[in-house]
Amino acid sequence: MRSPPTVLEHITVDKYLTSHQVMFAALTPKSAARVYQLFAHLTPQALRSQGLPTLSLSGSAMLEALAVLWTHHEQLPLLFALRCVHDAPHSPLDLSLNALGRLLHRLRQEGWLVLEPSNTDGRTKLVRPTEQTLRYFGTMGQCMAIAIHQEKSRFR
């Protein structure tokens, strides 16, 4: 049996939705809204129970943007990451590249990210998630799974 994909594994949205058709078929727009509301309610308490530090809204948005990039790029160069976050069409982070760099630096100081030199080019720094970041996304994923399960159980 194949283990679930990690943050760094590539999986397309189409593949994901196709593999979870039964789960998504039960969610109408109204029930999907209830799932998200329950997720938003569960998440802060679950993150506190894991002992994770509080993230600012901009820090959370930056981690989410980086998570999307990590799913497609196992090795994520710092400048490429900043440019992608800056140029994303629907990014909640409407910040300059300098401000994004300062935000990334703050996240690094708080233990959410590490910068490592590239094996192929010593001038290039790679952005990687820390164990704390993986616990953060794992906790959020569990909250979403609970919310979906509770919404689906309403139909049984």
N, C-alpha and C. Protein backbone atom coordinates (compact mmCIF):
# COMPACT_ATOMS: atom_id res chain seq x y z
N MET A 1 0.83 -1.17 0.00
CA MET A 1 0.00 0.00 0.00
C MET A 1 0.89 1.24 0.00
N ARG A 2 0.56 2.21 -0.85
CA ARG A 2 1.34 3.42 -0.98
C ARG A 2 1.04 4.37 0.17
N SER A 3 2.09 4.98 0.73
CA SER A 3 1.87 5.94 1.82
C SER A 3 1.34 7.25 1.23
N PRO A 4 0.65 8.07 2.05
CA PRO A 4 0.11 9.33 1.54
C PRO A 4 1.23 10.26 1.09
N PRO A 5 0.96 11.15 0.14
CA PRO A 5 2.00 12.04 -0.36
C PRO A 5 2.51 12.99 0.73
N THR A 6 3.80 13.26 0.69
CA THR A 6 4.38 14.22 1.61
C THR A 6 4.25 15.61 1.00
N VAL A 7 4.65 16.61 1.77
CA VAL A 7 4.56 18.00 1.30
C VAL A 7 5.36 18.18 0.01
N LEU A 8 6.46 17.45 -0.11
CA LEU A 8 7.35 17.67 -1.25
C LEU A 8 7.01 16.80 -2.46
N GLU A 9 6.06 15.89 -2.34
CA GLU A 9 5.70 15.04 -3.46
C GLU A 9 4.81 15.78 -4.43
N HIS A 10 5.02 15.54 -5.72
CA HIS A 10 4.22 16.21 -6.74
C HIS A 10 2.90 15.47 -6.94
N ILE A 11 1.81 16.19 -6.83
CA ILE A 11 0.50 15.63 -7.12
C ILE A 11 -0.33 16.75 -7.73
N THR A 12 -0.94 16.47 -8.87
CA THR A 12 -1.71 17.50 -9.53
C THR A 12 -3.09 17.61 -8.90
N VAL A 13 -3.71 18.75 -9.05
CA VAL A 13 -5.05 18.96 -8.52
C VAL A 13 -6.02 17.99 -9.17
N ASP A 14 -5.89 17.79 -10.49
CA ASP A 14 -6.77 16.86 -11.19
C ASP A 14 -6.67 15.45 -10.62
N LYS A 15 -5.43 14.98 -10.40
CA LYS A 15 -5.24 13.64 -9.83
C LYS A 15 -5.87 13.55 -8.45
N TYR A 16 -5.65 14.60 -7.66
CA TYR A 16 -6.16 14.60 -6.30
C TYR A 16 -7.69 14.57 -6.30
N LEU A 17 -8.29 15.43 -7.10
CA LEU A 17 -9.76 15.48 -7.13
C LEU A 17 -10.33 14.19 -7.68
N THR A 18 -9.68 13.60 -8.68
CA THR A 18 -10.16 12.34 -9.25
C THR A 18 -10.08 11.23 -8.20
N SER A 19 -9.01 11.20 -7.43
CA SER A 19 -8.86 10.14 -6.44
C SER A 19 -9.80 10.34 -5.24
N HIS A 20 -10.34 11.52 -5.08
CA HIS A 20 -11.23 11.81 -3.96
C HIS A 20 -12.63 12.20 -4.43
N GLN A 21 -13.05 11.67 -5.57
CA GLN A 21 -14.34 12.04 -6.15
C GLN A 21 -15.50 11.77 -5.20
N VAL A 22 -15.49 10.65 -4.53
CA VAL A 22 -16.60 10.29 -3.65
C VAL A 22 -16.72 11.31 -2.53
N MET A 23 -15.59 11.69 -1.96
CA MET A 23 -15.60 12.65 -0.87
C MET A 23 -16.12 14.00 -1.36
N PHE A 24 -15.65 14.47 -2.49
CA PHE A 24 -16.05 15.78 -2.99
C PHE A 24 -17.46 15.77 -3.58
N ALA A 25 -17.93 14.63 -4.04
CA ALA A 25 -19.27 14.56 -4.61
C ALA A 25 -20.33 14.84 -3.55
N ALA A 26 -20.03 14.51 -2.30
CA ALA A 26 -21.00 14.72 -1.22
C ALA A 26 -21.03 16.17 -0.75
N LEU A 27 -20.07 16.98 -1.18
CA LEU A 27 -20.00 18.34 -0.70
C LEU A 27 -20.64 19.31 -1.69
N THR A 28 -21.78 19.83 -1.33
CA THR A 28 -22.41 20.90 -2.10
C THR A 28 -21.71 22.20 -1.71
N PRO A 29 -21.94 23.27 -2.44
CA PRO A 29 -21.33 24.54 -2.02
C PRO A 29 -21.68 24.93 -0.58
N LYS A 30 -22.92 24.66 -0.17
CA LYS A 30 -23.33 24.99 1.19
C LYS A 30 -22.61 24.11 2.21
N SER A 31 -22.50 22.82 1.93
CA SER A 31 -21.81 21.94 2.88
C SER A 31 -20.30 22.20 2.87
N ALA A 32 -19.75 22.58 1.71
CA ALA A 32 -18.33 22.94 1.66
C ALA A 32 -18.07 24.17 2.53
N ALA A 33 -19.00 25.11 2.53
CA ALA A 33 -18.87 26.30 3.39
C ALA A 33 -18.89 25.89 4.85
N ARG A 34 -19.75 24.94 5.22
CA ARG A 34 -19.78 24.47 6.61
C ARG A 34 -18.47 23.77 6.97
N VAL A 35 -17.92 23.01 6.02
CA VAL A 35 -16.63 22.34 6.27
C VAL A 35 -15.57 23.39 6.56
N TYR A 36 -15.52 24.42 5.76
CA TYR A 36 -14.49 25.45 5.96
C TYR A 36 -14.70 26.18 7.28
N GLN A 37 -15.94 26.46 7.63
CA GLN A 37 -16.22 27.14 8.90
C GLN A 37 -15.78 26.28 10.08
N LEU A 38 -16.05 25.00 10.03
CA LEU A 38 -15.61 24.11 11.10
C LEU A 38 -14.09 24.02 11.13
N PHE A 39 -13.47 23.93 9.96
CA PHE A 39 -12.01 23.92 9.87
C PHE A 39 -11.43 25.17 10.52
N ALA A 40 -11.99 26.33 10.19
CA ALA A 40 -11.50 27.60 10.76
C ALA A 40 -11.70 27.63 12.27
N HIS A 41 -12.73 26.99 12.76
CA HIS A 41 -12.99 26.92 14.20
C HIS A 41 -12.01 25.98 14.91
N LEU A 42 -11.72 24.85 14.29
CA LEU A 42 -10.86 23.83 14.91
C LEU A 42 -9.38 24.20 14.90
N THR A 43 -8.95 24.87 13.85
CA THR A 43 -7.52 25.08 13.62
C THR A 43 -6.79 25.81 14.75
N PRO A 44 -7.26 26.96 15.24
CA PRO A 44 -6.47 27.66 16.28
C PRO A 44 -6.25 26.81 17.54
N GLN A 45 -7.28 26.12 17.99
CA GLN A 45 -7.15 25.29 19.18
C GLN A 45 -6.19 24.12 18.93
N ALA A 46 -6.30 23.51 17.76
CA ALA A 46 -5.43 22.37 17.43
C ALA A 46 -3.97 22.82 17.34
N LEU A 47 -3.72 23.98 16.75
CA LEU A 47 -2.35 24.47 16.65
C LEU A 47 -1.77 24.79 18.03
N ARG A 48 -2.60 25.38 18.91
CA ARG A 48 -2.14 25.65 20.28
C ARG A 48 -1.83 24.35 21.02
N SER A 49 -2.68 23.32 20.82
CA SER A 49 -2.46 22.05 21.52
C SER A 49 -1.18 21.36 21.07
N GLN A 50 -0.72 21.66 19.86
CA GLN A 50 0.53 21.11 19.36
C GLN A 50 1.74 21.91 19.82
N GLY A 51 1.47 23.01 20.52
CA GLY A 51 2.57 23.85 21.01
C GLY A 51 3.23 24.67 19.92
N LEU A 52 2.51 24.88 18.83
CA LEU A 52 3.08 25.66 17.73
C LEU A 52 2.90 27.15 18.00
N PRO A 53 3.93 27.95 17.69
CA PRO A 53 3.80 29.39 17.91
C PRO A 53 2.74 29.99 16.99
N THR A 54 2.17 31.10 17.43
CA THR A 54 1.16 31.79 16.63
C THR A 54 1.82 32.44 15.43
N LEU A 55 1.17 32.30 14.29
CA LEU A 55 1.66 32.91 13.06
C LEU A 55 0.83 34.15 12.75
N SER A 56 1.47 35.16 12.20
CA SER A 56 0.72 36.32 11.71
C SER A 56 -0.03 35.90 10.45
N LEU A 57 -1.03 36.69 10.05
CA LEU A 57 -1.76 36.39 8.82
C LEU A 57 -0.83 36.37 7.61
N SER A 58 0.09 37.33 7.57
CA SER A 58 1.02 37.36 6.44
C SER A 58 1.98 36.17 6.49
N GLY A 59 2.40 35.76 7.69
CA GLY A 59 3.26 34.59 7.82
C GLY A 59 2.55 33.32 7.38
N SER A 60 1.30 33.19 7.78
CA SER A 60 0.49 32.04 7.37
C SER A 60 0.31 32.01 5.86
N ALA A 61 0.01 33.17 5.28
CA ALA A 61 -0.16 33.24 3.82
C ALA A 61 1.13 32.90 3.09
N MET A 62 2.27 33.34 3.64
CA MET A 62 3.56 33.04 3.02
C MET A 62 3.84 31.54 3.09
N LEU A 63 3.59 30.90 4.24
CA LEU A 63 3.81 29.46 4.35
C LEU A 63 2.91 28.69 3.38
N GLU A 64 1.66 29.12 3.25
CA GLU A 64 0.75 28.44 2.32
C GLU A 64 1.23 28.59 0.88
N ALA A 65 1.71 29.77 0.53
CA ALA A 65 2.23 29.98 -0.82
C ALA A 65 3.47 29.11 -1.06
N LEU A 66 4.32 29.02 -0.06
CA LEU A 66 5.51 28.18 -0.19
C LEU A 66 5.14 26.70 -0.26
N ALA A 67 4.11 26.30 0.48
CA ALA A 67 3.68 24.89 0.45
C ALA A 67 3.26 24.50 -0.96
N VAL A 68 2.56 25.40 -1.64
CA VAL A 68 2.18 25.12 -3.03
C VAL A 68 3.42 24.93 -3.88
N LEU A 69 4.41 25.78 -3.69
CA LEU A 69 5.65 25.66 -4.47
C LEU A 69 6.42 24.39 -4.12
N TRP A 70 6.43 24.02 -2.83
CA TRP A 70 7.13 22.80 -2.42
C TRP A 70 6.51 21.55 -3.03
N THR A 71 5.23 21.57 -3.34
CA THR A 71 4.62 20.39 -3.96
C THR A 71 5.13 20.18 -5.37
N HIS A 72 5.62 21.25 -6.00
CA HIS A 72 6.09 21.15 -7.39
C HIS A 72 7.60 21.23 -7.53
N HIS A 73 8.30 21.70 -6.51
CA HIS A 73 9.75 21.89 -6.59
C HIS A 73 10.39 21.36 -5.31
N GLU A 74 11.02 20.21 -5.42
CA GLU A 74 11.67 19.64 -4.24
C GLU A 74 12.79 20.56 -3.77
N GLN A 75 13.51 21.14 -4.73
CA GLN A 75 14.54 22.12 -4.40
C GLN A 75 14.03 23.48 -4.82
N LEU A 76 13.74 24.33 -3.83
CA LEU A 76 13.11 25.61 -4.09
C LEU A 76 14.10 26.74 -3.81
N PRO A 77 14.67 27.32 -4.88
CA PRO A 77 15.60 28.43 -4.69
C PRO A 77 14.89 29.66 -4.09
N LEU A 78 15.57 30.34 -3.20
CA LEU A 78 15.01 31.48 -2.49
C LEU A 78 14.46 32.55 -3.43
N LEU A 79 15.27 33.00 -4.39
CA LEU A 79 14.83 34.08 -5.27
C LEU A 79 13.66 33.65 -6.15
N PHE A 80 13.65 32.40 -6.58
CA PHE A 80 12.54 31.87 -7.37
C PHE A 80 11.27 31.86 -6.53
N ALA A 81 11.39 31.44 -5.27
CA ALA A 81 10.23 31.39 -4.37
C ALA A 81 9.66 32.79 -4.15
N LEU A 82 10.54 33.76 -3.88
CA LEU A 82 10.07 35.12 -3.66
C LEU A 82 9.38 35.67 -4.90
N ARG A 83 9.95 35.41 -6.07
CA ARG A 83 9.35 35.90 -7.31
C ARG A 83 7.98 35.24 -7.55
N CYS A 84 7.88 33.95 -7.31
CA CYS A 84 6.61 33.24 -7.51
C CYS A 84 5.52 33.77 -6.57
N VAL A 85 5.87 33.98 -5.31
CA VAL A 85 4.90 34.49 -4.34
C VAL A 85 4.49 35.91 -4.73
N HIS A 86 5.45 36.71 -5.14
CA HIS A 86 5.18 38.09 -5.53
C HIS A 86 4.28 38.17 -6.76
N ASP A 87 4.51 37.28 -7.74
CA ASP A 87 3.79 37.33 -9.02
C ASP A 87 2.51 36.51 -9.05
N ALA A 88 2.21 35.79 -7.98
CA ALA A 88 1.00 34.95 -7.96
C ALA A 88 -0.23 35.83 -8.14
N PRO A 89 -1.11 35.44 -9.08
CA PRO A 89 -2.25 36.31 -9.40
C PRO A 89 -3.26 36.48 -8.27
N HIS A 90 -3.44 35.48 -7.43
CA HIS A 90 -4.45 35.57 -6.37
C HIS A 90 -3.83 35.55 -4.98
N SER A 91 -2.60 36.02 -4.88
CA SER A 91 -1.91 36.00 -3.60
C SER A 91 -2.48 37.04 -2.64
N PRO A 92 -2.74 36.63 -1.39
CA PRO A 92 -3.18 37.61 -0.40
C PRO A 92 -2.03 38.51 0.05
N LEU A 93 -0.81 38.18 -0.37
CA LEU A 93 0.36 38.95 0.01
C LEU A 93 0.68 39.98 -1.08
N ASP A 94 0.08 41.12 -0.97
CA ASP A 94 0.33 42.20 -1.94
C ASP A 94 1.48 43.04 -1.40
N LEU A 95 2.67 42.43 -1.40
CA LEU A 95 3.85 43.06 -0.82
C LEU A 95 4.96 43.16 -1.87
N SER A 96 5.86 44.09 -1.68
CA SER A 96 7.01 44.22 -2.57
C SER A 96 7.95 43.04 -2.34
N LEU A 97 8.88 42.85 -3.25
CA LEU A 97 9.86 41.77 -3.07
C LEU A 97 10.68 41.99 -1.81
N ASN A 98 11.02 43.24 -1.49
CA ASN A 98 11.78 43.51 -0.26
C ASN A 98 10.98 43.14 0.98
N ALA A 99 9.68 43.49 0.99
CA ALA A 99 8.84 43.15 2.14
C ALA A 99 8.68 41.64 2.27
N LEU A 100 8.54 40.94 1.13
CA LEU A 100 8.45 39.48 1.16
C LEU A 100 9.74 38.88 1.70
N GLY A 101 10.87 39.45 1.32
CA GLY A 101 12.16 38.99 1.83
C GLY A 101 12.26 39.16 3.33
N ARG A 102 11.78 40.30 3.84
CA ARG A 102 11.79 40.53 5.29
C ARG A 102 10.86 39.55 6.01
N LEU A 103 9.70 39.28 5.39
CA LEU A 103 8.77 38.31 5.97
C LEU A 103 9.40 36.92 6.02
N LEU A 104 10.05 36.53 4.95
CA LEU A 104 10.71 35.23 4.91
C LEU A 104 11.81 35.17 5.96
N HIS A 105 12.55 36.26 6.12
CA HIS A 105 13.61 36.31 7.14
C HIS A 105 13.02 36.14 8.54
N ARG A 106 11.87 36.81 8.80
CA ARG A 106 11.22 36.69 10.10
C ARG A 106 10.75 35.25 10.34
N LEU A 107 10.18 34.62 9.30
CA LEU A 107 9.73 33.23 9.44
C LEU A 107 10.92 32.31 9.73
N ARG A 108 12.04 32.61 9.12
CA ARG A 108 13.25 31.83 9.36
C ARG A 108 13.71 32.00 10.81
N GLN A 109 13.68 33.22 11.32
CA GLN A 109 14.09 33.48 12.71
C GLN A 109 13.16 32.79 13.71
N GLU A 110 11.88 32.65 13.34
CA GLU A 110 10.90 32.02 14.22
C GLU A 110 10.89 30.50 14.10
N GLY A 111 11.75 29.94 13.24
CA GLY A 111 11.87 28.49 13.13
C GLY A 111 10.93 27.83 12.15
N TRP A 112 10.30 28.61 11.26
CA TRP A 112 9.38 28.04 10.28
C TRP A 112 10.07 27.59 9.01
N LEU A 113 11.23 28.16 8.71
CA LEU A 113 11.94 27.86 7.46
C LEU A 113 13.43 27.75 7.73
N VAL A 114 14.11 27.05 6.85
CA VAL A 114 15.57 27.05 6.85
C VAL A 114 16.04 27.36 5.44
N LEU A 115 17.20 27.98 5.37
CA LEU A 115 17.86 28.21 4.09
C LEU A 115 19.10 27.35 4.05
N GLU A 116 19.25 26.60 2.97
CA GLU A 116 20.41 25.72 2.82
C GLU A 116 21.07 26.02 1.49
N PRO A 117 22.39 25.87 1.43
CA PRO A 117 23.05 26.07 0.13
C PRO A 117 22.68 24.95 -0.84
N SER A 118 22.60 25.31 -2.10
CA SER A 118 22.30 24.33 -3.14
C SER A 118 23.52 23.43 -3.35
N ASN A 119 23.27 22.17 -3.67
CA ASN A 119 24.36 21.25 -3.97
C ASN A 119 25.01 21.57 -5.31
N THR A 120 24.26 22.18 -6.21
CA THR A 120 24.76 22.43 -7.56
C THR A 120 25.35 23.82 -7.74
N ASP A 121 24.93 24.80 -6.91
CA ASP A 121 25.42 26.17 -7.05
C ASP A 121 25.52 26.78 -5.66
N GLY A 122 26.73 27.02 -5.21
CA GLY A 122 26.96 27.53 -3.86
C GLY A 122 26.38 28.90 -3.62
N ARG A 123 26.08 29.65 -4.69
CA ARG A 123 25.51 30.99 -4.52
C ARG A 123 24.01 30.95 -4.27
N THR A 124 23.38 29.84 -4.59
CA THR A 124 21.93 29.71 -4.48
C THR A 124 21.54 29.13 -3.13
N LYS A 125 20.59 29.78 -2.48
CA LYS A 125 20.04 29.28 -1.21
C LYS A 125 18.69 28.64 -1.50
N LEU A 126 18.45 27.48 -0.89
CA LEU A 126 17.19 26.76 -1.03
C LEU A 126 16.33 26.97 0.21
N VAL A 127 15.05 27.18 0.01
CA VAL A 127 14.10 27.35 1.12
C VAL A 127 13.50 25.99 1.42
N ARG A 128 13.59 25.57 2.68
CA ARG A 128 13.04 24.27 3.09
C ARG A 128 12.16 24.45 4.33
N PRO A 129 11.13 23.59 4.43
CA PRO A 129 10.30 23.63 5.64
C PRO A 129 11.04 22.98 6.80
N THR A 130 10.74 23.42 8.00
CA THR A 130 11.29 22.79 9.19
C THR A 130 10.30 21.75 9.70
N GLU A 131 10.70 21.01 10.70
CA GLU A 131 9.81 20.04 11.33
C GLU A 131 8.58 20.75 11.90
N GLN A 132 8.78 21.94 12.43
CA GLN A 132 7.67 22.74 12.97
C GLN A 132 6.66 23.05 11.86
N THR A 133 7.15 23.39 10.68
CA THR A 133 6.27 23.71 9.55
C THR A 133 5.50 22.47 9.11
N LEU A 134 6.15 21.34 9.07
CA LEU A 134 5.47 20.11 8.68
C LEU A 134 4.41 19.73 9.71
N ARG A 135 4.69 19.95 11.00
CA ARG A 135 3.67 19.71 12.04
C ARG A 135 2.50 20.66 11.87
N TYR A 136 2.78 21.90 11.51
CA TYR A 136 1.73 22.91 11.27
C TYR A 136 0.80 22.44 10.17
N PHE A 137 1.36 22.05 9.01
CA PHE A 137 0.52 21.60 7.91
C PHE A 137 -0.17 20.28 8.22
N GLY A 138 0.50 19.41 8.96
CA GLY A 138 -0.13 18.15 9.36
C GLY A 138 -1.33 18.39 10.25
N THR A 139 -1.20 19.31 11.19
CA THR A 139 -2.30 19.64 12.09
C THR A 139 -3.46 20.26 11.31
N MET A 140 -3.14 21.16 10.39
CA MET A 140 -4.19 21.78 9.58
C MET A 140 -4.89 20.73 8.72
N GLY A 141 -4.13 19.79 8.17
CA GLY A 141 -4.72 18.72 7.37
C GLY A 141 -5.65 17.85 8.20
N GLN A 142 -5.26 17.55 9.44
CA GLN A 142 -6.12 16.77 10.31
C GLN A 142 -7.41 17.53 10.64
N CYS A 143 -7.30 18.82 10.83
CA CYS A 143 -8.50 19.63 11.10
C CYS A 143 -9.44 19.60 9.90
N MET A 144 -8.89 19.68 8.70
CA MET A 144 -9.72 19.62 7.50
C MET A 144 -10.37 18.25 7.37
N ALA A 145 -9.62 17.19 7.66
CA ALA A 145 -10.19 15.84 7.59
C ALA A 145 -11.33 15.67 8.59
N ILE A 146 -11.17 16.20 9.79
CA ILE A 146 -12.23 16.12 10.81
C ILE A 146 -13.45 16.89 10.33
N ALA A 147 -13.24 18.07 9.78
CA ALA A 147 -14.36 18.89 9.32
C ALA A 147 -15.12 18.19 8.19
N ILE A 148 -14.39 17.60 7.25
CA ILE A 148 -15.04 16.88 6.15
C ILE A 148 -15.80 15.68 6.68
N HIS A 149 -15.18 14.93 7.59
CA HIS A 149 -15.82 13.75 8.16
C HIS A 149 -17.11 14.14 8.89
N GLN A 150 -17.06 15.21 9.67
CA GLN A 150 -18.26 15.62 10.40
C GLN A 150 -19.36 16.07 9.45
N GLU A 151 -19.00 16.75 8.37
CA GLU A 151 -20.02 17.19 7.41
C GLU A 151 -20.61 15.99 6.68
N LYS A 152 -19.77 15.03 6.31
CA LYS A 152 -20.27 13.84 5.61
C LYS A 152 -21.16 13.01 6.53
N SER A 153 -20.86 12.99 7.83
CA SER A 153 -21.67 12.19 8.76
C SER A 153 -23.08 12.77 8.94
N ARG A 154 -23.28 14.02 8.56
CA ARG A 154 -24.61 14.62 8.62
C ARG A 154 -25.54 13.97 7.61
N PHE A 155 -24.98 13.38 6.53
CA PHE A 155 -25.79 12.80 5.46
C PHE A 155 -26.08 11.33 5.68
N ARG A 156 -25.53 10.72 6.70
CA ARG A 156 -25.71 9.28 6.93
C ARG A 156 -26.94 9.00 7.72
